[in-house]
């Protein structure tokens, strides 16, 4: 939650720097409280509500009723955002091809080799 607030949204960068000092400082001042109403609707709905109480006394509230699942195209696009920098675009495409036929593979050796950074 803290890294999302610091970054200004849910981004891949949220998980790249788990030791970010600003996120750690904010996390230390935060607490998570389950909302019984939201919890009762899970798993059909997977919403969230966030309240921020800044030092000036205001209350900032944001929420979302549910989070739709990503489409296959969105998952592939997000994979390329993260993986192309490590494996190159051609390497990422090769990894995706191997993953898509993993249920028919005799071994995971080819995938394991493909996952070794260049």
PDB file of N, CA and C in Angstrom:
ATOM      1  N   UNK A   1       0.824  -1.177   0.000  1.00  0.00           N
ATOM      2  CA  UNK A   1       0.000   0.000   0.000  1.00  0.00           C
ATOM      3  C   UNK A   1       0.874   1.247   0.000  1.00  0.00           C
ATOM      4  N   UNK A   2       1.900   1.265   0.841  1.00  0.00           N
ATOM      5  CA  UNK A   2       2.755   2.446   0.940  1.00  0.00           C
ATOM      6  C   UNK A   2       3.479   2.715  -0.372  1.00  0.00           C
ATOM      7  N   UNK A   3       3.972   1.664  -1.019  1.00  0.00           N
ATOM      8  CA  UNK A   3       4.688   1.875  -2.281  1.00  0.00           C
ATOM      9  C   UNK A   3       3.751   2.400  -3.364  1.00  0.00           C
ATOM     10  N   UNK A   4       2.491   1.991  -3.333  1.00  0.00           N
ATOM     11  CA  UNK A   4       1.512   2.485  -4.297  1.00  0.00           C
ATOM     12  C   UNK A   4       1.262   3.973  -4.069  1.00  0.00           C
ATOM     13  N   UNK A   5       1.124   4.375  -2.821  1.00  0.00           N
ATOM     14  CA  UNK A   5       0.916   5.792  -2.517  1.00  0.00           C
ATOM     15  C   UNK A   5       2.126   6.624  -2.913  1.00  0.00           C
ATOM     16  N   UNK A   6       3.321   6.134  -2.626  1.00  0.00           N
ATOM     17  CA  UNK A   6       4.540   6.876  -2.958  1.00  0.00           C
ATOM     18  C   UNK A   6       4.696   7.004  -4.469  1.00  0.00           C
ATOM     19  N   UNK A   7       4.419   5.918  -5.210  1.00  0.00           N
ATOM     20  CA  UNK A   7       4.581   5.928  -6.665  1.00  0.00           C
ATOM     21  C   UNK A   7       3.438   6.647  -7.374  1.00  0.00           C
ATOM     22  N   UNK A   8       2.302   6.787  -6.705  1.00  0.00           N
ATOM     23  CA  UNK A   8       1.163   7.457  -7.313  1.00  0.00           C
ATOM     24  C   UNK A   8       0.253   6.531  -8.098  1.00  0.00           C
ATOM     25  N   UNK A   9       0.408   5.235  -7.921  1.00  0.00           N
ATOM     26  CA  UNK A   9      -0.452   4.287  -8.611  1.00  0.00           C
ATOM     27  C   UNK A   9       0.098   2.880  -8.505  1.00  0.00           C
ATOM     28  N   UNK A  10      -0.655   1.928  -9.031  1.00  0.00           N
ATOM     29  CA  UNK A  10      -0.206   0.540  -9.053  1.00  0.00           C
ATOM     30  C   UNK A  10       0.630   0.366 -10.313  1.00  0.00           C
ATOM     31  N   UNK A  11       1.936   0.326 -10.109  1.00  0.00           N
ATOM     32  CA  UNK A  11       2.894   0.265 -11.210  1.00  0.00           C
ATOM     33  C   UNK A  11       3.903  -0.846 -10.954  1.00  0.00           C
ATOM     34  N   UNK A  12       4.570  -1.300 -12.003  1.00  0.00           N
ATOM     35  CA  UNK A  12       5.609  -2.309 -11.815  1.00  0.00           C
ATOM     36  C   UNK A  12       6.692  -1.806 -10.868  1.00  0.00           C
ATOM     37  N   UNK A  13       6.932  -0.509 -10.858  1.00  0.00           N
ATOM     38  CA  UNK A  13       7.958   0.069  -9.995  1.00  0.00           C
ATOM     39  C   UNK A  13       7.684  -0.172  -8.507  1.00  0.00           C
ATOM     40  N   UNK A  14       6.428  -0.415  -8.156  1.00  0.00           N
ATOM     41  CA  UNK A  14       6.083  -0.642  -6.750  1.00  0.00           C
ATOM     42  C   UNK A  14       6.858  -1.805  -6.153  1.00  0.00           C
ATOM     43  N   UNK A  15       7.204  -2.788  -6.967  1.00  0.00           N
ATOM     44  CA  UNK A  15       7.851  -3.995  -6.456  1.00  0.00           C
ATOM     45  C   UNK A  15       9.340  -4.048  -6.771  1.00  0.00           C
ATOM     46  N   UNK A  16       9.866  -3.021  -7.424  1.00  0.00           N
ATOM     47  CA  UNK A  16      11.287  -3.027  -7.780  1.00  0.00           C
ATOM     48  C   UNK A  16      12.174  -2.549  -6.647  1.00  0.00           C
ATOM     49  N   UNK A  17      11.662  -1.730  -5.774  1.00  0.00           N
ATOM     50  CA  UNK A  17      12.471  -1.170  -4.687  1.00  0.00           C
ATOM     51  C   UNK A  17      11.775  -1.383  -3.350  1.00  0.00           C
ATOM     52  N   UNK A  18      11.753  -2.626  -2.853  1.00  0.00           N
ATOM     53  CA  UNK A  18      11.037  -2.879  -1.599  1.00  0.00           C
ATOM     54  C   UNK A  18      11.640  -2.148  -0.404  1.00  0.00           C
ATOM     55  N   UNK A  19      12.887  -1.724  -0.522  1.00  0.00           N
ATOM     56  CA  UNK A  19      13.521  -1.011   0.580  1.00  0.00           C
ATOM     57  C   UNK A  19      13.460   0.497   0.445  1.00  0.00           C
ATOM     58  N   UNK A  20      12.621   1.017  -0.456  1.00  0.00           N
ATOM     59  CA  UNK A  20      12.524   2.462  -0.660  1.00  0.00           C
ATOM     60  C   UNK A  20      12.269   3.151   0.673  1.00  0.00           C
ATOM     61  N   UNK A  21      13.152   4.081   1.078  1.00  0.00           N
ATOM     62  CA  UNK A  21      13.018   4.707   2.401  1.00  0.00           C
ATOM     63  C   UNK A  21      11.689   5.436   2.605  1.00  0.00           C
ATOM     64  N   UNK A  22      11.206   6.113   1.573  1.00  0.00           N
ATOM     65  CA  UNK A  22       9.941   6.844   1.716  1.00  0.00           C
ATOM     66  C   UNK A  22       8.770   5.880   1.905  1.00  0.00           C
ATOM     67  N   UNK A  23       8.763   4.786   1.139  1.00  0.00           N
ATOM     68  CA  UNK A  23       7.698   3.789   1.288  1.00  0.00           C
ATOM     69  C   UNK A  23       7.784   3.110   2.654  1.00  0.00           C
ATOM     70  N   UNK A  24       8.997   2.816   3.112  1.00  0.00           N
ATOM     71  CA  UNK A  24       9.161   2.184   4.425  1.00  0.00           C
ATOM     72  C   UNK A  24       8.690   3.114   5.545  1.00  0.00           C
ATOM     73  N   UNK A  25       8.996   4.406   5.413  1.00  0.00           N
ATOM     74  CA  UNK A  25       8.564   5.379   6.424  1.00  0.00           C
ATOM     75  C   UNK A  25       7.040   5.452   6.471  1.00  0.00           C
ATOM     76  N   UNK A  26       6.414   5.492   5.294  1.00  0.00           N
ATOM     77  CA  UNK A  26       4.958   5.549   5.232  1.00  0.00           C
ATOM     78  C   UNK A  26       4.344   4.250   5.751  1.00  0.00           C
ATOM     79  N   UNK A  27       4.930   3.113   5.402  1.00  0.00           N
ATOM     80  CA  UNK A  27       4.416   1.822   5.872  1.00  0.00           C
ATOM     81  C   UNK A  27       4.465   1.733   7.393  1.00  0.00           C
ATOM     82  N   UNK A  28       5.509   2.289   7.986  1.00  0.00           N
ATOM     83  CA  UNK A  28       5.636   2.248   9.447  1.00  0.00           C
ATOM     84  C   UNK A  28       4.537   3.058  10.129  1.00  0.00           C
ATOM     85  N   UNK A  29       3.980   4.018   9.412  1.00  0.00           N
ATOM     86  CA  UNK A  29       2.928   4.863   9.987  1.00  0.00           C
ATOM     87  C   UNK A  29       1.537   4.417   9.544  1.00  0.00           C
ATOM     88  N   UNK A  30       1.447   3.259   8.899  1.00  0.00           N
ATOM     89  CA  UNK A  30       0.184   2.785   8.330  1.00  0.00           C
ATOM     90  C   UNK A  30      -0.326   1.560   9.070  1.00  0.00           C
ATOM     91  N   UNK A  31      -1.607   1.320   8.905  1.00  0.00           N
ATOM     92  CA  UNK A  31      -2.185   0.081   9.414  1.00  0.00           C
ATOM     93  C   UNK A  31      -3.273  -0.366   8.452  1.00  0.00           C
ATOM     94  N   UNK A  32      -3.445  -1.667   8.376  1.00  0.00           N
ATOM     95  CA  UNK A  32      -4.449  -2.263   7.497  1.00  0.00           C
ATOM     96  C   UNK A  32      -5.551  -2.829   8.374  1.00  0.00           C
ATOM     97  N   UNK A  33      -6.782  -2.455   8.060  1.00  0.00           N
ATOM     98  CA  UNK A  33      -7.948  -2.922   8.811  1.00  0.00           C
ATOM     99  C   UNK A  33      -8.915  -3.551   7.817  1.00  0.00           C
ATOM    100  N   UNK A  34      -9.291  -4.784   8.071  1.00  0.00           N
ATOM    101  CA  UNK A  34     -10.247  -5.464   7.190  1.00  0.00           C
ATOM    102  C   UNK A  34     -11.613  -4.807   7.306  1.00  0.00           C
ATOM    103  N   UNK A  35     -12.261  -4.618   6.175  1.00  0.00           N
ATOM    104  CA  UNK A  35     -13.613  -4.073   6.132  1.00  0.00           C
ATOM    105  C   UNK A  35     -14.573  -5.256   6.028  1.00  0.00           C
ATOM    106  N   UNK A  36     -15.387  -5.515   7.064  1.00  0.00           N
ATOM    107  CA  UNK A  36     -16.276  -6.683   7.043  1.00  0.00           C
ATOM    108  C   UNK A  36     -17.202  -6.710   5.829  1.00  0.00           C
ATOM    109  N   UNK A  37     -17.679  -5.554   5.394  1.00  0.00           N
ATOM    110  CA  UNK A  37     -18.579  -5.508   4.244  1.00  0.00           C
ATOM    111  C   UNK A  37     -17.855  -5.940   2.970  1.00  0.00           C
ATOM    112  N   UNK A  38     -16.641  -5.419   2.759  1.00  0.00           N
ATOM    113  CA  UNK A  38     -15.873  -5.827   1.584  1.00  0.00           C
ATOM    114  C   UNK A  38     -15.476  -7.298   1.673  1.00  0.00           C
ATOM    115  N   UNK A  39     -15.063  -7.730   2.849  1.00  0.00           N
ATOM    116  CA  UNK A  39     -14.641  -9.124   3.034  1.00  0.00           C
ATOM    117  C   UNK A  39     -15.786 -10.095   2.766  1.00  0.00           C
ATOM    118  N   UNK A  40     -17.002  -9.726   3.138  1.00  0.00           N
ATOM    119  CA  UNK A  40     -18.162 -10.601   2.956  1.00  0.00           C
ATOM    120  C   UNK A  40     -18.477 -10.814   1.474  1.00  0.00           C
ATOM    121  N   UNK A  41     -18.084  -9.879   0.632  1.00  0.00           N
ATOM    122  CA  UNK A  41     -18.383  -9.993  -0.799  1.00  0.00           C
ATOM    123  C   UNK A  41     -17.300 -10.744  -1.575  1.00  0.00           C
ATOM    124  N   UNK A  42     -16.197 -11.097  -0.912  1.00  0.00           N
ATOM    125  CA  UNK A  42     -15.112 -11.811  -1.573  1.00  0.00           C
ATOM    126  C   UNK A  42     -15.467 -13.286  -1.694  1.00  0.00           C
ATOM    127  N   UNK A  43     -15.215 -14.010  -2.759  1.00  0.00           N
ATOM    128  CA  UNK A  43     -14.388 -13.644  -3.900  1.00  0.00           C
ATOM    129  C   UNK A  43     -15.165 -13.074  -5.091  1.00  0.00           C
ATOM    130  N   UNK A  44     -16.488 -12.999  -4.990  1.00  0.00           N
ATOM    131  CA  UNK A  44     -17.256 -12.464  -6.122  1.00  0.00           C
ATOM    132  C   UNK A  44     -16.838 -11.031  -6.442  1.00  0.00           C
ATOM    133  N   UNK A  45     -16.526 -10.265  -5.428  1.00  0.00           N
ATOM    134  CA  UNK A  45     -16.065  -8.880  -5.599  1.00  0.00           C
ATOM    135  C   UNK A  45     -14.763  -8.762  -4.824  1.00  0.00           C
ATOM    136  N   UNK A  46     -13.823  -8.029  -5.351  1.00  0.00           N
ATOM    137  CA  UNK A  46     -12.537  -7.888  -4.675  1.00  0.00           C
ATOM    138  C   UNK A  46     -12.151  -6.418  -4.546  1.00  0.00           C
ATOM    139  N   UNK A  47     -13.048  -5.663  -3.963  1.00  0.00           N
ATOM    140  CA  UNK A  47     -12.860  -4.226  -3.842  1.00  0.00           C
ATOM    141  C   UNK A  47     -11.929  -3.826  -2.714  1.00  0.00           C
ATOM    142  N   UNK A  48     -11.712  -2.541  -2.642  1.00  0.00           N
ATOM    143  CA  UNK A  48     -10.856  -1.990  -1.596  1.00  0.00           C
ATOM    144  C   UNK A  48     -11.313  -0.582  -1.248  1.00  0.00           C
ATOM    145  N   UNK A  49     -10.946  -0.159  -0.072  1.00  0.00           N
ATOM    146  CA  UNK A  49     -11.237   1.203   0.383  1.00  0.00           C
ATOM    147  C   UNK A  49     -10.003   1.668   1.132  1.00  0.00           C
ATOM    148  N   UNK A  50      -9.585   2.873   0.866  1.00  0.00           N
ATOM    149  CA  UNK A  50      -8.389   3.422   1.484  1.00  0.00           C
ATOM    150  C   UNK A  50      -8.724   4.766   2.102  1.00  0.00           C
ATOM    151  N   UNK A  51      -8.360   4.920   3.351  1.00  0.00           N
ATOM    152  CA  UNK A  51      -8.513   6.201   4.032  1.00  0.00           C
ATOM    153  C   UNK A  51      -7.128   6.679   4.439  1.00  0.00           C
ATOM    154  N   UNK A  52      -6.817   7.910   4.084  1.00  0.00           N
ATOM    155  CA  UNK A  52      -5.545   8.517   4.463  1.00  0.00           C
ATOM    156  C   UNK A  52      -5.863   9.682   5.382  1.00  0.00           C
ATOM    157  N   UNK A  53      -5.212   9.691   6.538  1.00  0.00           N
ATOM    158  CA  UNK A  53      -5.413  10.755   7.514  1.00  0.00           C
ATOM    159  C   UNK A  53      -4.119  11.557   7.640  1.00  0.00           C
ATOM    160  N   UNK A  54      -3.944  12.592   6.813  1.00  0.00           N
ATOM    161  CA  UNK A  54      -2.733  13.407   6.904  1.00  0.00           C
ATOM    162  C   UNK A  54      -2.684  14.169   8.228  1.00  0.00           C
ATOM    163  N   UNK A  55      -1.524  14.707   8.524  1.00  0.00           N
ATOM    164  CA  UNK A  55      -1.334  15.434   9.783  1.00  0.00           C
ATOM    165  C   UNK A  55      -2.204  16.681   9.899  1.00  0.00           C
ATOM    166  N   UNK A  56      -2.739  17.184   8.777  1.00  0.00           N
ATOM    167  CA  UNK A  56      -3.538  18.414   8.836  1.00  0.00           C
ATOM    168  C   UNK A  56      -4.982  18.175   9.261  1.00  0.00           C
ATOM    169  N   UNK A  57      -5.357  16.909   9.558  1.00  0.00           N
ATOM    170  CA  UNK A  57      -6.694  16.618  10.062  1.00  0.00           C
ATOM    171  C   UNK A  57      -7.717  16.241   9.014  1.00  0.00           C
ATOM    172  N   UNK A  58      -7.415  16.420   7.747  1.00  0.00           N
ATOM    173  CA  UNK A  58      -8.351  16.019   6.690  1.00  0.00           C
ATOM    174  C   UNK A  58      -8.385  14.501   6.571  1.00  0.00           C
ATOM    175  N   UNK A  59      -9.430  13.990   5.960  1.00  0.00           N
ATOM    176  CA  UNK A  59      -9.527  12.563   5.672  1.00  0.00           C
ATOM    177  C   UNK A  59      -9.696  12.414   4.165  1.00  0.00           C
ATOM    178  N   UNK A  60      -8.767  11.706   3.542  1.00  0.00           N
ATOM    179  CA  UNK A  60      -8.838  11.438   2.108  1.00  0.00           C
ATOM    180  C   UNK A  60      -9.316  10.002   1.933  1.00  0.00           C
ATOM    181  N   UNK A  61     -10.333   9.801   1.105  1.00  0.00           N
ATOM    182  CA  UNK A  61     -10.917   8.477   0.924  1.00  0.00           C
ATOM    183  C   UNK A  61     -10.921   8.135  -0.564  1.00  0.00           C
ATOM    184  N   UNK A  62     -10.517   6.908  -0.865  1.00  0.00           N
ATOM    185  CA  UNK A  62     -10.594   6.394  -2.231  1.00  0.00           C
ATOM    186  C   UNK A  62     -11.011   4.937  -2.142  1.00  0.00           C
ATOM    187  N   UNK A  63     -11.701   4.477  -3.140  1.00  0.00           N
ATOM    188  CA  UNK A  63     -12.118   3.082  -3.135  1.00  0.00           C
ATOM    189  C   UNK A  63     -12.452   2.608  -4.522  1.00  0.00           C
ATOM    190  N   UNK A  64     -12.534   1.313  -4.638  1.00  0.00           N
ATOM    191  CA  UNK A  64     -12.942   0.704  -5.890  1.00  0.00           C
ATOM    192  C   UNK A  64     -13.746  -0.530  -5.535  1.00  0.00           C
ATOM    193  N   UNK A  65     -14.919  -0.662  -6.155  1.00  0.00           N
ATOM    194  CA  UNK A  65     -15.841  -1.745  -5.824  1.00  0.00           C
ATOM    195  C   UNK A  65     -15.254  -3.111  -6.155  1.00  0.00           C
ATOM    196  N   UNK A  66     -14.590  -3.212  -7.284  1.00  0.00           N
ATOM    197  CA  UNK A  66     -13.971  -4.476  -7.674  1.00  0.00           C
ATOM    198  C   UNK A  66     -12.856  -4.186  -8.660  1.00  0.00           C
ATOM    199  N   UNK A  67     -11.948  -5.116  -8.793  1.00  0.00           N
ATOM    200  CA  UNK A  67     -10.852  -4.991  -9.735  1.00  0.00           C
ATOM    201  C   UNK A  67     -11.030  -6.053 -10.809  1.00  0.00           C
ATOM    202  N   UNK A  68     -11.295  -5.640 -12.038  1.00  0.00           N
ATOM    203  CA  UNK A  68     -11.474  -6.630 -13.095  1.00  0.00           C
ATOM    204  C   UNK A  68     -10.153  -7.337 -13.391  1.00  0.00           C
ATOM    205  N   UNK A  69     -10.256  -8.592 -13.772  1.00  0.00           N
ATOM    206  CA  UNK A  69      -9.064  -9.341 -14.140  1.00  0.00           C
ATOM    207  C   UNK A  69      -8.470  -8.771 -15.416  1.00  0.00           C
ATOM    208  N   UNK A  70      -7.175  -8.942 -15.558  1.00  0.00           N
ATOM    209  CA  UNK A  70      -6.503  -8.499 -16.773  1.00  0.00           C
ATOM    210  C   UNK A  70      -6.816  -9.475 -17.903  1.00  0.00           C
ATOM    211  N   UNK A  71      -6.873  -8.948 -19.121  1.00  0.00           N
ATOM    212  CA  UNK A  71      -7.040  -9.808 -20.289  1.00  0.00           C
ATOM    213  C   UNK A  71      -5.700 -10.476 -20.598  1.00  0.00           C
ATOM    214  N   UNK A  72      -5.729 -11.482 -21.448  1.00  0.00           N
ATOM    215  CA  UNK A  72      -4.488 -12.148 -21.857  1.00  0.00           C
ATOM    216  C   UNK A  72      -3.548 -11.136 -22.507  1.00  0.00           C
ATOM    217  N   UNK A  73      -4.077 -10.277 -23.373  1.00  0.00           N
ATOM    218  CA  UNK A  73      -3.238  -9.264 -24.024  1.00  0.00           C
ATOM    219  C   UNK A  73      -2.601  -8.323 -23.005  1.00  0.00           C
ATOM    220  N   UNK A  74      -3.351  -7.943 -21.969  1.00  0.00           N
ATOM    221  CA  UNK A  74      -2.796  -7.068 -20.929  1.00  0.00           C
ATOM    222  C   UNK A  74      -1.700  -7.773 -20.132  1.00  0.00           C
ATOM    223  N   UNK A  75      -1.881  -9.055 -19.872  1.00  0.00           N
ATOM    224  CA  UNK A  75      -0.859  -9.821 -19.154  1.00  0.00           C
ATOM    225  C   UNK A  75       0.412  -9.910 -19.991  1.00  0.00           C
ATOM    226  N   UNK A  76       0.262 -10.194 -21.275  1.00  0.00           N
ATOM    227  CA  UNK A  76       1.425 -10.288 -22.167  1.00  0.00           C
ATOM    228  C   UNK A  76       2.132  -8.939 -22.255  1.00  0.00           C
ATOM    229  N   UNK A  77       1.367  -7.866 -22.373  1.00  0.00           N
ATOM    230  CA  UNK A  77       1.959  -6.532 -22.444  1.00  0.00           C
ATOM    231  C   UNK A  77       2.733  -6.222 -21.164  1.00  0.00           C
ATOM    232  N   UNK A  78       2.160  -6.530 -20.032  1.00  0.00           N
ATOM    233  CA  UNK A  78       2.836  -6.267 -18.756  1.00  0.00           C
ATOM    234  C   UNK A  78       4.091  -7.133 -18.626  1.00  0.00           C
ATOM    235  N   UNK A  79       4.025  -8.373 -19.087  1.00  0.00           N
ATOM    236  CA  UNK A  79       5.203  -9.239 -19.077  1.00  0.00           C
ATOM    237  C   UNK A  79       6.321  -8.607 -19.897  1.00  0.00           C
ATOM    238  N   UNK A  80       5.985  -8.109 -21.095  1.00  0.00           N
ATOM    239  CA  UNK A  80       7.012  -7.496 -21.938  1.00  0.00           C
ATOM    240  C   UNK A  80       7.615  -6.252 -21.291  1.00  0.00           C
ATOM    241  N   UNK A  81       6.817  -5.468 -20.602  1.00  0.00           N
ATOM    242  CA  UNK A  81       7.350  -4.284 -19.916  1.00  0.00           C
ATOM    243  C   UNK A  81       8.454  -4.689 -18.941  1.00  0.00           C
ATOM    244  N   UNK A  82       8.232  -5.768 -18.215  1.00  0.00           N
ATOM    245  CA  UNK A  82       9.212  -6.207 -17.219  1.00  0.00           C
ATOM    246  C   UNK A  82      10.327  -7.049 -17.830  1.00  0.00           C
ATOM    247  N   UNK A  83      10.000  -7.931 -18.750  1.00  0.00           N
ATOM    248  CA  UNK A  83      10.970  -8.927 -19.222  1.00  0.00           C
ATOM    249  C   UNK A  83      11.855  -8.457 -20.370  1.00  0.00           C
ATOM    250  N   UNK A  84      11.360  -7.576 -21.220  1.00  0.00           N
ATOM    251  CA  UNK A  84      12.167  -7.158 -22.372  1.00  0.00           C
ATOM    252  C   UNK A  84      13.491  -6.528 -21.949  1.00  0.00           C
ATOM    253  N   UNK A  85      13.487  -5.810 -20.843  1.00  0.00           N
ATOM    254  CA  UNK A  85      14.723  -5.171 -20.371  1.00  0.00           C
ATOM    255  C   UNK A  85      15.763  -6.202 -19.942  1.00  0.00           C
ATOM    256  N   UNK A  86      15.317  -7.361 -19.524  1.00  0.00           N
ATOM    257  CA  UNK A  86      16.228  -8.408 -19.050  1.00  0.00           C
ATOM    258  C   UNK A  86      16.605  -9.365 -20.175  1.00  0.00           C
ATOM    259  N   UNK A  87      15.626  -9.786 -20.977  1.00  0.00           N
ATOM    260  CA  UNK A  87      15.830 -10.838 -21.972  1.00  0.00           C
ATOM    261  C   UNK A  87      15.842 -10.331 -23.411  1.00  0.00           C
ATOM    262  N   UNK A  88      15.535  -9.058 -23.626  1.00  0.00           N
ATOM    263  CA  UNK A  88      15.332  -8.559 -24.980  1.00  0.00           C
ATOM    264  C   UNK A  88      13.967  -9.010 -25.469  1.00  0.00           C
ATOM    265  N   UNK A  89      13.438  -8.314 -26.476  1.00  0.00           N
ATOM    266  CA  UNK A  89      12.089  -8.644 -26.942  1.00  0.00           C
ATOM    267  C   UNK A  89      12.021 -10.068 -27.487  1.00  0.00           C
ATOM    268  N   UNK A  90      13.016 -10.455 -28.284  1.00  0.00           N
ATOM    269  CA  UNK A  90      13.008 -11.808 -28.857  1.00  0.00           C
ATOM    270  C   UNK A  90      13.085 -12.865 -27.757  1.00  0.00           C
ATOM    271  N   UNK A  91      13.877 -12.614 -26.728  1.00  0.00           N
ATOM    272  CA  UNK A  91      13.972 -13.555 -25.616  1.00  0.00           C
ATOM    273  C   UNK A  91      12.660 -13.674 -24.866  1.00  0.00           C
ATOM    274  N   UNK A  92      11.986 -12.542 -24.672  1.00  0.00           N
ATOM    275  CA  UNK A  92      10.690 -12.554 -23.987  1.00  0.00           C
ATOM    276  C   UNK A  92       9.643 -13.315 -24.791  1.00  0.00           C
ATOM    277  N   UNK A  93       9.669 -13.130 -26.105  1.00  0.00           N
ATOM    278  CA  UNK A  93       8.737 -13.862 -26.971  1.00  0.00           C
ATOM    279  C   UNK A  93       9.007 -15.357 -26.865  1.00  0.00           C
ATOM    280  N   UNK A  94      10.283 -15.740 -26.856  1.00  0.00           N
ATOM    281  CA  UNK A  94      10.633 -17.161 -26.732  1.00  0.00           C
ATOM    282  C   UNK A  94      10.141 -17.734 -25.403  1.00  0.00           C
ATOM    283  N   UNK A  95      10.293 -16.973 -24.329  1.00  0.00           N
ATOM    284  CA  UNK A  95       9.815 -17.425 -23.015  1.00  0.00           C
ATOM    285  C   UNK A  95       8.301 -17.612 -23.038  1.00  0.00           C
ATOM    286  N   UNK A  96       7.583 -16.641 -23.599  1.00  0.00           N
ATOM    287  CA  UNK A  96       6.123 -16.763 -23.685  1.00  0.00           C
ATOM    288  C   UNK A  96       5.719 -17.992 -24.492  1.00  0.00           C
ATOM    289  N   UNK A  97       6.417 -18.230 -25.598  1.00  0.00           N
ATOM    290  CA  UNK A  97       6.103 -19.416 -26.412  1.00  0.00           C
ATOM    291  C   UNK A  97       6.281 -20.692 -25.598  1.00  0.00           C
ATOM    292  N   UNK A  98       7.361 -20.756 -24.820  1.00  0.00           N
ATOM    293  CA  UNK A  98       7.614 -21.942 -23.996  1.00  0.00           C
ATOM    294  C   UNK A  98       6.559 -22.096 -22.900  1.00  0.00           C
ATOM    295  N   UNK A  99       6.156 -20.991 -22.297  1.00  0.00           N
ATOM    296  CA  UNK A  99       5.135 -21.044 -21.239  1.00  0.00           C
ATOM    297  C   UNK A  99       3.801 -21.501 -21.816  1.00  0.00           C
ATOM    298  N   UNK A 100       3.468 -21.012 -23.002  1.00  0.00           N
ATOM    299  CA  UNK A 100       2.173 -21.358 -23.598  1.00  0.00           C
ATOM    300  C   UNK A 100       2.061 -22.831 -23.974  1.00  0.00           C
ATOM    301  N   UNK A 101       3.183 -23.525 -24.144  1.00  0.00           N
ATOM    302  CA  UNK A 101       3.098 -24.960 -24.453  1.00  0.00           C
ATOM    303  C   UNK A 101       3.630 -25.806 -23.296  1.00  0.00           C
ATOM    304  N   UNK A 102       3.736 -25.212 -22.132  1.00  0.00           N
ATOM    305  CA  UNK A 102       4.281 -25.910 -20.968  1.00  0.00           C
ATOM    306  C   UNK A 102       3.473 -27.155 -20.604  1.00  0.00           C
ATOM    307  N   UNK A 103       2.170 -27.104 -20.801  1.00  0.00           N
ATOM    308  CA  UNK A 103       1.336 -28.263 -20.459  1.00  0.00           C
ATOM    309  C   UNK A 103       1.609 -29.467 -21.364  1.00  0.00           C
ATOM    310  N   UNK A 104       2.269 -29.242 -22.498  1.00  0.00           N
ATOM    311  CA  UNK A 104       2.587 -30.329 -23.424  1.00  0.00           C
ATOM    312  C   UNK A 104       4.080 -30.661 -23.443  1.00  0.00           C
ATOM    313  N   UNK A 105       4.868 -29.928 -22.686  1.00  0.00           N
ATOM    314  CA  UNK A 105       6.323 -30.125 -22.695  1.00  0.00           C
ATOM    315  C   UNK A 105       6.707 -31.392 -21.938  1.00  0.00           C
ATOM    316  N   UNK A 106       7.726 -32.068 -22.425  1.00  0.00           N
ATOM    317  CA  UNK A 106       8.228 -33.264 -21.745  1.00  0.00           C
ATOM    318  C   UNK A 106       9.115 -32.878 -20.569  1.00  0.00           C
ATOM    319  N   UNK A 107       9.611 -31.633 -20.595  1.00  0.00           N
ATOM    320  CA  UNK A 107      10.544 -31.173 -19.567  1.00  0.00           C
ATOM    321  C   UNK A 107      10.454 -29.651 -19.481  1.00  0.00           C
ATOM    322  N   UNK A 108      10.863 -29.104 -18.366  1.00  0.00           N
ATOM    323  CA  UNK A 108      10.929 -27.645 -18.226  1.00  0.00           C
ATOM    324  C   UNK A 108      12.343 -27.131 -18.489  1.00  0.00           C
ATOM    325  N   UNK A 109      13.227 -27.997 -18.968  1.00  0.00           N
ATOM    326  CA  UNK A 109      14.625 -27.615 -19.179  1.00  0.00           C
ATOM    327  C   UNK A 109      14.765 -26.448 -20.154  1.00  0.00           C
ATOM    328  N   UNK A 110      14.013 -26.458 -21.256  1.00  0.00           N
ATOM    329  CA  UNK A 110      14.109 -25.361 -22.226  1.00  0.00           C
ATOM    330  C   UNK A 110      13.669 -24.042 -21.598  1.00  0.00           C
ATOM    331  N   UNK A 111      12.602 -24.079 -20.828  1.00  0.00           N
ATOM    332  CA  UNK A 111      12.133 -22.869 -20.157  1.00  0.00           C
ATOM    333  C   UNK A 111      13.156 -22.399 -19.128  1.00  0.00           C
ATOM    334  N   UNK A 112      13.718 -23.314 -18.380  1.00  0.00           N
ATOM    335  CA  UNK A 112      14.727 -22.956 -17.381  1.00  0.00           C
ATOM    336  C   UNK A 112      15.920 -22.284 -18.052  1.00  0.00           C
ATOM    337  N   UNK A 113      16.367 -22.821 -19.189  1.00  0.00           N
ATOM    338  CA  UNK A 113      17.484 -22.199 -19.926  1.00  0.00           C
ATOM    339  C   UNK A 113      17.093 -20.812 -20.419  1.00  0.00           C
ATOM    340  N   UNK A 114      15.882 -20.678 -20.943  1.00  0.00           N
ATOM    341  CA  UNK A 114      15.435 -19.390 -21.480  1.00  0.00           C
ATOM    342  C   UNK A 114      15.328 -18.326 -20.397  1.00  0.00           C
ATOM    343  N   UNK A 115      15.089 -18.737 -19.165  1.00  0.00           N
ATOM    344  CA  UNK A 115      14.926 -17.782 -18.064  1.00  0.00           C
ATOM    345  C   UNK A 115      16.253 -17.293 -17.486  1.00  0.00           C
ATOM    346  N   UNK A 116      17.364 -17.833 -17.958  1.00  0.00           N
ATOM    347  CA  UNK A 116      18.661 -17.341 -17.498  1.00  0.00           C
ATOM    348  C   UNK A 116      18.906 -15.986 -18.156  1.00  0.00           C
ATOM    349  N   UNK A 117      19.173 -14.924 -17.361  1.00  0.00           N
ATOM    350  CA  UNK A 117      19.383 -13.596 -17.954  1.00  0.00           C
ATOM    351  C   UNK A 117      20.548 -13.597 -18.939  1.00  0.00           C
ATOM    352  N   UNK A 118      20.416 -12.765 -19.951  1.00  0.00           N
ATOM    353  CA  UNK A 118      21.467 -12.650 -20.979  1.00  0.00           C
ATOM    354  C   UNK A 118      22.752 -12.104 -20.384  1.00  0.00           C
TER     355      UNK A 118
END
